[in-house]
Amino acid sequence: MNAVILGVLVMVGLALARVSVVFALIVGALVGGLVGGLSLGDALSAFNDGVGGGAKIALAYATLGAFAVAISRAGLPDLLAQRLIRLFGQEASPKRRTTVKYTLIGSVLLVAISSQNLIPVHIAFIPILIPPLLKVMNQLRLDRRAVACTLTFGLTATYMLLPVGFGAIFLNDILLANINAAGESLGLEVTRGMVPLAMGVPVGGMALGLLVALLLSYRKPREYAALDASTRNLPNQQEQVKIHTLGLVMSVVAILAALGIQLYSGSMILGGLVGFALLSVGGVFKWREADDLFTSGMRMMALIGFIMISASGFASVMNATGEVELLVSDAVEIIGDNQGLAALVMLLVGLFITLGIGSSFSTIPIIATLYVPLAVQFGFSPLATIALVGTAAALGDAGSPASDSTLGPTAGLNVDGQHDHIWDSVVPTFLHYNIPLIGFGWLAAMWL
């Protein structure tokens, strides 16, 4: 069996068996490396060389976690939750609950979409916005899997379709540039206007998956224990958070400053640190408590950080085996001259390549180099080639255990320990997005 396929299967199998995702990534990388012809020492060396690629984002998540805990200390999340509960009513009718539920989901979706373009902060908003809403979700008996699907759709489908913010980077700077670079010697050239048009069909499949998740799969009420999410990560804080005007004002100032610094510098780390410092200077918490708060925030986001670091190591080992190229060449031998089968196999191979890497942005250079010559060889149009490469890469973000588009929602929804990353985030998004992406990606390749 191909080392990439075996490595991904081992990783996914262990994760589904509720083994730690970090452990699953490490074991999957070692198994794939050994089967791919690497010695144990070479596999470990490749893994160690790759882990540095995830260190930056891991530190960014830890900083955001500390900032989110500090914001909760100011009382803003509690105030928001109290106001929402008062607005919705403690004993709302079923019809009113349904209206409120979908209004809340729609609002979360709009914020997630805006995080990719209007205010391009990606997942930085999740640990600040979602935890205070859990009380309201619990009262509405809202299935958090529906919220996870909503967040992942907003985070992923937006940059796949709209060439603004992160979408401009994905569609123009990465997807367009890599396809043209790989196709230059083959006479293939695509323009900016083609890219959103080609990606519209796969994104339509994701939209259908979101509707199925909200209206069918996770429509029924689900009970959650009434745990206090805002203080669960603060072991030294047992008393109720006191809400005061200065703390609320400083929270707003800190959030605006953190967003502004991030937009100006492009650094989530610097933005989180500035926001954290402003809350301390504003008297929200005492300076001698900063270490405990920062440690609590880092603990809240630590799992995500270690998963991202391990995913970078996993990708490094898979690339070191050289079996990614072999996987594609083996697939070509199976395909023959059947264009429809070629499109399907290319998408399925892309799924295995990207599941372990977990990032469409870093996967496209690999996919484009291998797939553009194949697409030209099988006679696919430029639009179909864009759809194949873009969809194959996006499969890694939509339902991978190592993707920040699934890790981010888990970080916000699991602050009270009632949302499992694999079964409540990864499996729902895989079923409702990866399967439609494969189907609609194939349709786009055959139709465009």
Protein backbone atom coordinates (compact mmCIF):
# COMPACT_ATOMS: atom_id res chain seq x y z
CA MET A 1 0.00 0.00 0.00
CA ASN A 2 1.16 3.54 -0.75
CA ALA A 3 2.83 5.12 2.28
CA VAL A 4 0.70 8.30 2.10
CA ILE A 5 -2.56 6.34 2.07
CA LEU A 6 -1.41 4.07 4.89
CA GLY A 7 -0.18 6.99 7.00
CA VAL A 8 -3.48 8.86 6.61
CA LEU A 9 -5.54 5.74 7.31
CA VAL A 10 -3.57 5.03 10.50
CA MET A 11 -3.93 8.64 11.63
CA VAL A 12 -7.67 8.82 10.91
CA GLY A 13 -8.32 5.36 12.37
CA LEU A 14 -6.60 6.21 15.65
CA ALA A 15 -8.37 9.57 15.84
CA LEU A 16 -11.77 7.95 15.29
CA ALA A 17 -10.91 5.48 18.07
CA ARG A 18 -10.63 8.53 20.38
CA VAL A 19 -6.87 8.33 20.57
CA SER A 20 -5.29 11.77 20.95
CA VAL A 21 -5.01 13.48 17.54
CA VAL A 22 -1.43 14.46 18.36
CA PHE A 23 -0.53 10.82 19.06
CA ALA A 24 -2.43 9.71 15.93
CA LEU A 25 -0.49 12.17 13.75
CA ILE A 26 2.87 11.08 15.15
CA VAL A 27 2.12 7.35 14.77
CA GLY A 28 0.67 7.88 11.28
CA ALA A 29 3.76 9.82 10.24
CA LEU A 30 6.13 7.13 11.54
CA VAL A 31 4.16 4.28 9.94
CA GLY A 32 3.98 6.13 6.62
CA GLY A 33 7.67 7.00 6.76
CA LEU A 34 8.78 3.44 7.52
CA VAL A 35 6.56 1.95 4.79
CA GLY A 36 7.82 4.65 2.40
CA GLY A 37 11.40 3.40 2.80
CA LEU A 38 12.69 5.80 5.45
CA SER A 39 14.62 4.49 8.42
CA LEU A 40 13.27 5.27 11.88
CA GLY A 41 15.99 7.88 12.30
CA ASP A 42 15.20 9.52 8.94
CA ALA A 43 11.48 9.53 9.68
CA LEU A 44 12.05 11.17 13.06
CA SER A 45 14.45 13.66 11.50
CA ALA A 46 11.90 14.62 8.83
CA PHE A 47 9.22 14.96 11.48
CA ASN A 48 11.46 17.16 13.62
CA ASP A 49 12.34 19.32 10.61
CA GLY A 50 8.66 19.85 9.88
CA VAL A 51 7.36 20.70 13.35
CA GLY A 52 8.82 24.19 13.17
CA GLY A 53 6.31 25.03 10.46
CA GLY A 54 3.47 24.85 12.98
CA ALA A 55 5.19 26.66 15.83
CA LYS A 56 4.18 30.16 14.74
CA ILE A 57 0.47 29.39 14.52
CA ALA A 58 0.61 27.39 17.76
CA LEU A 59 2.01 30.41 19.59
CA ALA A 60 -0.61 32.61 17.96
CA TYR A 61 -3.41 30.34 19.23
CA ALA A 62 -1.92 30.29 22.73
CA THR A 63 -1.80 34.09 22.79
CA LEU A 64 -5.40 34.33 21.58
CA GLY A 65 -6.45 31.89 24.29
CA ALA A 66 -4.85 34.10 26.96
CA PHE A 67 -6.57 37.16 25.50
CA ALA A 68 -9.95 35.36 25.47
CA VAL A 69 -9.58 34.34 29.15
CA ALA A 70 -8.66 37.93 30.06
CA ILE A 71 -11.74 39.21 28.21
CA SER A 72 -13.90 36.77 30.17
CA ARG A 73 -12.39 38.15 33.39
CA ALA A 74 -13.66 41.62 32.43
CA GLY A 75 -17.24 40.36 32.39
CA LEU A 76 -18.06 41.10 28.75
CA PRO A 77 -18.94 37.47 27.88
CA ASP A 78 -21.18 37.18 30.97
CA LEU A 79 -22.95 40.44 30.11
CA LEU A 80 -23.53 39.27 26.54
CA ALA A 81 -24.91 35.94 27.71
CA GLN A 82 -27.20 37.59 30.30
CA ARG A 83 -28.58 40.04 27.75
CA LEU A 84 -29.22 37.32 25.20
CA ILE A 85 -30.95 35.08 27.74
CA ARG A 86 -33.10 38.02 28.90
CA LEU A 87 -33.90 38.89 25.29
CA PHE A 88 -34.87 35.35 24.32
CA GLY A 89 -36.77 34.63 27.53
CA GLN A 90 -36.33 31.79 29.97
CA GLU A 91 -39.54 30.05 28.90
CA ALA A 92 -39.76 30.84 25.21
CA SER A 93 -42.26 29.02 23.02
CA PRO A 94 -40.97 26.33 20.61
CA LYS A 95 -41.62 28.63 17.65
CA ARG A 96 -39.69 31.46 19.27
CA ARG A 97 -36.85 29.11 20.18
CA THR A 98 -36.59 28.03 16.53
CA THR A 99 -36.52 31.62 15.36
CA VAL A 100 -33.85 32.53 17.90
CA LYS A 101 -31.81 29.42 17.08
CA TYR A 102 -31.57 30.17 13.38
CA THR A 103 -31.01 33.87 14.04
CA LEU A 104 -28.07 32.93 16.24
CA ILE A 105 -26.70 30.50 13.63
CA GLY A 106 -27.11 33.12 10.90
CA SER A 107 -25.23 35.67 12.98
CA VAL A 108 -22.38 33.23 13.63
CA LEU A 109 -22.22 32.48 9.90
CA LEU A 110 -22.01 36.18 9.00
CA VAL A 111 -19.21 36.73 11.50
CA ALA A 112 -17.31 33.69 10.16
CA ILE A 113 -17.68 34.97 6.58
CA SER A 114 -16.54 38.45 7.61
CA SER A 115 -13.48 37.00 9.33
CA GLN A 116 -12.12 36.04 5.90
CA ASN A 117 -12.53 39.37 4.14
CA LEU A 118 -14.23 42.34 5.84
CA ILE A 119 -12.18 41.90 9.04
CA PRO A 120 -9.61 39.27 8.00
CA VAL A 121 -8.80 37.73 11.38
CA HIS A 122 -9.53 34.10 10.36
CA ILE A 123 -10.30 32.05 13.52
CA ALA A 124 -9.12 34.71 16.00
CA PHE A 125 -12.73 35.69 16.78
CA ILE A 126 -13.83 32.20 17.85
CA PRO A 127 -12.37 31.95 21.40
CA ILE A 128 -13.75 35.43 22.13
CA LEU A 129 -17.24 35.18 20.57
CA ILE A 130 -18.33 31.55 20.98
CA PRO A 131 -17.70 30.72 24.69
CA PRO A 132 -20.11 33.40 26.03
CA LEU A 133 -22.80 32.14 23.62
CA LEU A 134 -22.66 28.58 24.99
CA LYS A 135 -25.08 29.45 27.81
CA VAL A 136 -27.61 30.63 25.25
CA MET A 137 -27.00 27.58 23.04
CA ASN A 138 -27.53 25.30 26.04
CA GLN A 139 -30.80 27.01 26.88
CA LEU A 140 -31.95 26.67 23.27
CA ARG A 141 -30.73 23.04 23.31
CA LEU A 142 -28.87 23.85 20.10
CA ASP A 143 -26.75 20.98 18.77
CA ARG A 144 -23.19 22.29 18.75
CA ARG A 145 -22.39 20.13 15.74
CA ALA A 146 -24.62 22.46 13.72
CA VAL A 147 -22.60 25.44 14.97
CA ALA A 148 -19.33 23.65 14.11
CA CYS A 149 -20.59 23.05 10.57
CA THR A 150 -21.67 26.70 10.32
CA LEU A 151 -18.28 28.00 11.45
CA THR A 152 -16.33 25.67 9.14
CA PHE A 153 -18.48 26.67 6.17
CA GLY A 154 -17.93 30.37 6.84
CA LEU A 155 -14.19 29.87 7.32
CA THR A 156 -13.67 27.64 4.27
CA ALA A 157 -16.25 28.35 1.57
CA THR A 158 -15.67 32.10 1.77
CA TYR A 159 -12.02 32.09 0.72
CA MET A 160 -12.80 29.43 -1.91
CA LEU A 161 -15.23 31.75 -3.66
CA LEU A 162 -14.65 35.44 -2.85
CA PRO A 163 -11.32 36.94 -4.04
CA VAL A 164 -11.10 39.36 -1.10
CA GLY A 165 -8.95 39.11 2.03
CA PHE A 166 -7.85 35.52 2.56
CA GLY A 167 -9.76 34.68 -0.62
CA ALA A 168 -7.44 36.94 -2.62
CA ILE A 169 -4.47 35.03 -1.23
CA PHE A 170 -6.01 31.60 -1.88
CA LEU A 171 -7.58 32.24 -5.30
CA ASN A 172 -5.10 34.66 -6.88
CA ASP A 173 -1.76 34.43 -5.10
CA ILE A 174 -1.75 30.64 -4.60
CA LEU A 175 -4.26 28.77 -6.79
CA LEU A 176 -4.00 30.96 -9.91
CA ALA A 177 -0.24 31.45 -9.63
CA ASN A 178 0.55 27.76 -9.13
CA ILE A 179 -1.72 26.57 -11.95
CA ASN A 180 -0.16 29.05 -14.37
CA ALA A 181 3.34 28.13 -13.21
CA ALA A 182 2.67 24.40 -13.69
CA GLY A 183 0.85 24.95 -16.97
CA GLU A 184 3.25 27.43 -18.59
CA SER A 185 5.23 24.77 -20.44
CA LEU A 186 2.01 22.99 -21.43
CA GLY A 187 0.29 26.01 -22.97
CA LEU A 188 -2.26 26.33 -20.17
CA GLU A 189 -3.06 29.80 -18.84
CA VAL A 190 -5.98 30.83 -16.62
CA THR A 191 -7.16 34.33 -15.70
CA ARG A 192 -8.42 35.81 -12.43
CA GLY A 193 -11.99 35.92 -13.66
CA MET A 194 -12.02 32.16 -14.25
CA VAL A 195 -11.07 31.16 -10.72
CA PRO A 196 -14.20 32.19 -8.72
CA LEU A 197 -16.39 30.93 -11.57
CA ALA A 198 -14.79 27.49 -11.49
CA MET A 199 -14.91 27.27 -7.69
CA GLY A 200 -18.56 28.28 -7.56
CA VAL A 201 -19.78 24.74 -8.27
CA PRO A 202 -17.83 23.02 -5.45
CA VAL A 203 -18.85 25.80 -3.03
CA GLY A 204 -22.46 25.17 -4.07
CA GLY A 205 -21.98 21.59 -2.88
CA MET A 206 -20.77 22.88 0.48
CA ALA A 207 -23.80 25.16 0.75
CA LEU A 208 -26.05 22.16 0.16
CA GLY A 209 -24.16 20.27 2.87
CA LEU A 210 -24.67 23.15 5.31
CA LEU A 211 -28.42 23.14 4.67
CA VAL A 212 -28.57 19.38 5.25
CA ALA A 213 -26.63 19.77 8.52
CA LEU A 214 -28.88 22.57 9.83
CA LEU A 215 -32.27 21.37 8.60
CA LEU A 216 -31.90 17.59 8.84
CA SER A 217 -28.84 16.12 10.55
CA TYR A 218 -28.60 18.39 13.62
CA ARG A 219 -32.05 19.92 13.72
CA LYS A 220 -33.21 18.06 16.84
CA PRO A 221 -32.54 19.50 20.32
CA ARG A 222 -29.52 18.21 22.21
CA GLU A 223 -29.02 18.47 25.96
CA TYR A 224 -25.83 19.87 27.51
CA ALA A 225 -24.92 20.26 31.16
CA ALA A 226 -25.12 23.83 32.45
CA LEU A 227 -21.41 24.32 33.12
CA ASP A 228 -19.80 27.74 33.54
CA ALA A 229 -17.57 28.00 30.48
CA SER A 230 -16.17 31.41 31.39
CA THR A 231 -14.50 30.23 34.60
CA ARG A 232 -13.71 26.60 33.79
CA ASN A 233 -10.22 27.47 32.61
CA LEU A 234 -9.49 29.71 35.60
CA PRO A 235 -8.66 27.36 38.49
CA ASN A 236 -8.09 30.19 40.97
CA GLN A 237 -11.32 31.98 40.16
CA GLN A 238 -14.31 30.38 41.81
CA GLU A 239 -16.42 33.45 42.45
CA GLN A 240 -18.88 34.95 40.00
CA VAL A 241 -17.34 37.45 37.58
CA LYS A 242 -18.21 41.02 38.53
CA ILE A 243 -19.39 43.15 35.64
CA HIS A 244 -18.33 46.80 35.84
CA THR A 245 -18.30 49.68 33.38
CA LEU A 246 -14.53 50.20 33.25
CA GLY A 247 -13.94 46.53 32.52
CA LEU A 248 -16.48 46.56 29.69
CA VAL A 249 -14.99 49.72 28.19
CA MET A 250 -11.47 48.32 28.37
CA SER A 251 -12.68 45.07 26.81
CA VAL A 252 -14.03 46.92 23.79
CA VAL A 253 -10.85 49.01 23.53
CA ALA A 254 -8.66 45.91 23.83
CA ILE A 255 -10.62 44.01 21.17
CA LEU A 256 -10.47 46.94 18.73
CA ALA A 257 -6.77 47.43 19.43
CA ALA A 258 -6.02 43.72 18.98
CA LEU A 259 -7.87 43.65 15.64
CA GLY A 260 -6.22 46.87 14.49
CA ILE A 261 -2.72 45.67 15.38
CA GLN A 262 -3.36 42.35 13.66
CA LEU A 263 -4.60 44.02 10.47
CA TYR A 264 -1.64 46.45 10.48
CA SER A 265 1.11 43.97 11.31
CA GLY A 266 -0.40 40.73 10.03
CA SER A 267 0.46 39.09 13.35
CA MET A 268 -2.13 37.41 15.56
CA ILE A 269 0.55 37.04 18.24
CA LEU A 270 1.22 40.78 18.48
CA GLY A 271 -2.50 41.61 18.38
CA GLY A 272 -3.28 39.22 21.23
CA LEU A 273 -0.39 40.50 23.34
CA VAL A 274 -1.45 44.13 22.89
CA GLY A 275 -5.04 43.31 23.85
CA PHE A 276 -3.88 41.35 26.90
CA ALA A 277 -1.60 44.21 28.01
CA LEU A 278 -4.37 46.81 27.63
CA LEU A 279 -6.69 44.79 29.86
CA SER A 280 -3.98 44.65 32.49
CA VAL A 281 -3.21 48.38 32.28
CA GLY A 282 -6.94 49.13 32.45
CA GLY A 283 -7.23 47.33 35.78
CA VAL A 284 -9.32 44.40 34.55
CA PHE A 285 -6.90 42.11 36.39
CA LYS A 286 -3.87 42.73 38.55
CA TRP A 287 -0.44 42.45 36.99
CA ARG A 288 0.62 39.73 39.43
CA GLU A 289 -2.32 37.64 38.14
CA ALA A 290 -1.16 37.94 34.53
CA ASP A 291 0.94 34.77 34.66
CA ASP A 292 -1.96 32.64 35.91
CA LEU A 293 -4.35 34.09 33.33
CA PHE A 294 -1.88 33.64 30.50
CA THR A 295 -1.22 30.05 31.57
CA SER A 296 -4.97 29.34 31.71
CA GLY A 297 -5.45 30.72 28.22
CA MET A 298 -2.55 28.74 26.84
CA ARG A 299 -3.95 25.58 28.43
CA MET A 300 -7.30 26.24 26.74
CA MET A 301 -5.65 26.42 23.29
CA ALA A 302 -2.74 24.03 23.89
CA LEU A 303 -4.33 21.06 22.11
CA ILE A 304 -4.82 23.05 18.91
CA GLY A 305 -1.23 24.22 19.01
CA PHE A 306 0.20 20.74 19.45
CA ILE A 307 -2.04 19.36 16.69
CA MET A 308 -0.85 22.04 14.26
CA ILE A 309 2.80 21.35 15.16
CA SER A 310 2.30 17.59 14.73
CA ALA A 311 0.48 18.12 11.40
CA SER A 312 3.48 20.03 10.05
CA GLY A 313 5.70 17.12 11.05
CA PHE A 314 3.31 14.63 9.43
CA ALA A 315 3.36 16.56 6.15
CA SER A 316 7.16 16.74 6.22
CA VAL A 317 7.48 12.95 6.60
CA MET A 318 5.00 12.27 3.79
CA ASN A 319 6.92 14.56 1.46
CA ALA A 320 10.24 12.97 2.47
CA THR A 321 9.03 9.51 1.40
CA GLY A 322 8.50 10.69 -2.19
CA GLU A 323 5.31 8.62 -2.26
CA VAL A 324 3.01 11.54 -3.06
CA GLU A 325 4.23 11.56 -6.67
CA LEU A 326 4.10 7.75 -6.75
CA LEU A 327 0.49 7.85 -5.54
CA VAL A 328 -0.47 10.05 -8.47
CA SER A 329 1.43 7.96 -11.03
CA ASP A 330 -0.18 4.77 -9.72
CA ALA A 331 -3.59 6.42 -10.01
CA VAL A 332 -2.90 7.28 -13.66
CA GLU A 333 -2.21 3.63 -14.45
CA ILE A 334 -5.60 2.68 -12.98
CA ILE A 335 -7.49 5.41 -14.82
CA GLY A 336 -6.60 4.56 -18.40
CA ASP A 337 -8.22 7.07 -20.78
CA ASN A 338 -11.54 7.49 -18.90
CA GLN A 339 -11.96 11.22 -18.21
CA GLY A 340 -14.79 10.80 -15.69
CA LEU A 341 -12.81 8.21 -13.72
CA ALA A 342 -9.75 10.46 -13.94
CA ALA A 343 -11.59 13.35 -12.29
CA LEU A 344 -12.92 11.11 -9.51
CA VAL A 345 -9.55 9.46 -8.79
CA MET A 346 -7.76 12.83 -8.77
CA LEU A 347 -10.19 14.15 -6.17
CA LEU A 348 -9.91 11.01 -4.02
CA VAL A 349 -6.11 11.08 -4.19
CA GLY A 350 -6.25 14.77 -3.28
CA LEU A 351 -8.37 13.86 -0.26
CA PHE A 352 -5.69 11.49 1.06
CA ILE A 353 -2.90 13.97 0.40
CA THR A 354 -4.63 16.85 2.17
CA LEU A 355 -6.23 15.05 5.14
CA GLY A 356 -2.92 14.74 6.92
CA ILE A 357 -1.60 18.17 5.96
CA GLY A 358 -4.84 19.90 6.94
CA SER A 359 -4.27 23.14 5.02
CA SER A 360 -5.47 23.96 1.51
CA PHE A 361 -3.09 26.91 1.34
CA SER A 362 0.02 24.76 1.83
CA THR A 363 -1.34 21.85 -0.22
CA ILE A 364 -1.95 23.67 -3.52
CA PRO A 365 1.73 23.88 -4.57
CA ILE A 366 1.94 20.07 -4.25
CA ILE A 367 -1.42 19.39 -5.93
CA ALA A 368 -0.92 21.86 -8.80
CA THR A 369 2.50 20.50 -9.75
CA LEU A 370 1.09 16.97 -10.03
CA TYR A 371 -2.44 17.62 -11.29
CA VAL A 372 -2.06 20.31 -13.96
CA PRO A 373 -0.09 18.04 -16.35
CA LEU A 374 -2.61 15.27 -15.72
CA ALA A 375 -5.54 17.59 -16.41
CA VAL A 376 -3.99 18.69 -19.71
CA GLN A 377 -3.23 15.08 -20.59
CA PHE A 378 -6.86 14.03 -20.04
CA GLY A 379 -8.24 17.00 -21.97
CA PHE A 380 -9.83 18.97 -19.13
CA SER A 381 -10.65 22.62 -19.85
CA PRO A 382 -8.93 25.45 -17.95
CA LEU A 383 -12.05 25.94 -15.80
CA ALA A 384 -12.22 22.22 -15.05
CA THR A 385 -8.53 22.21 -14.13
CA ILE A 386 -9.09 25.04 -11.65
CA ALA A 387 -12.03 23.18 -10.11
CA LEU A 388 -10.03 19.95 -9.77
CA VAL A 389 -6.96 21.55 -8.18
CA GLY A 390 -8.93 23.92 -5.94
CA THR A 391 -11.36 21.26 -4.75
CA ALA A 392 -8.65 18.66 -4.12
CA ALA A 393 -6.80 21.17 -1.94
CA ALA A 394 -9.91 22.40 -0.09
CA LEU A 395 -10.70 18.85 1.03
CA GLY A 396 -7.91 19.23 3.59
CA ASP A 397 -9.54 22.21 5.26
CA ALA A 398 -13.14 21.04 5.22
CA GLY A 399 -12.85 17.86 7.28
CA SER A 400 -9.33 17.16 8.48
CA PRO A 401 -8.48 16.58 12.18
CA ALA A 402 -5.44 18.85 11.69
CA SER A 403 -7.20 21.76 9.96
CA ASP A 404 -7.64 25.10 11.72
CA SER A 405 -11.10 25.24 10.14
CA THR A 406 -12.12 22.34 12.41
CA LEU A 407 -9.75 23.06 15.30
CA GLY A 408 -10.97 26.65 15.60
CA PRO A 409 -14.65 25.71 16.11
CA THR A 410 -13.62 23.04 18.62
CA ALA A 411 -11.61 25.60 20.60
CA GLY A 412 -14.71 27.74 21.07
CA LEU A 413 -17.33 25.03 21.52
CA ASN A 414 -15.34 22.80 23.89
CA VAL A 415 -14.39 25.30 26.60
CA ASP A 416 -16.75 23.48 28.97
CA GLY A 417 -15.56 20.04 27.86
CA GLN A 418 -18.77 18.98 26.09
CA HIS A 419 -17.70 19.06 22.44
CA ASP A 420 -15.41 16.33 21.08
CA HIS A 421 -13.03 17.45 18.33
CA ILE A 422 -13.25 14.28 16.22
CA TRP A 423 -16.89 13.22 16.60
CA ASP A 424 -18.48 16.66 17.00
CA SER A 425 -16.35 18.74 14.61
CA VAL A 426 -14.33 16.58 12.21
CA VAL A 427 -16.83 13.83 11.41
CA PRO A 428 -19.80 16.22 10.87
CA THR A 429 -17.78 18.53 8.62
CA PHE A 430 -16.27 15.61 6.72
CA LEU A 431 -19.70 14.12 6.02
CA HIS A 432 -21.41 17.39 5.10
CA TYR A 433 -18.57 19.07 3.19
CA ASN A 434 -15.98 16.60 1.92
CA ILE A 435 -18.53 14.28 0.34
CA PRO A 436 -20.38 17.14 -1.45
CA LEU A 437 -17.01 18.65 -2.45
CA ILE A 438 -16.02 15.42 -4.16
CA GLY A 439 -19.40 15.12 -5.89
CA PHE A 440 -19.71 18.73 -7.01
CA GLY A 441 -15.98 18.95 -7.81
CA TRP A 442 -16.41 15.99 -10.15
CA LEU A 443 -19.51 17.63 -11.66
CA ALA A 444 -17.58 20.87 -12.23
CA ALA A 445 -14.70 18.99 -13.91
CA MET A 446 -17.07 17.23 -16.29
CA TRP A 447 -19.35 20.21 -16.96
CA LEU A 448 -17.09 23.24 -17.21
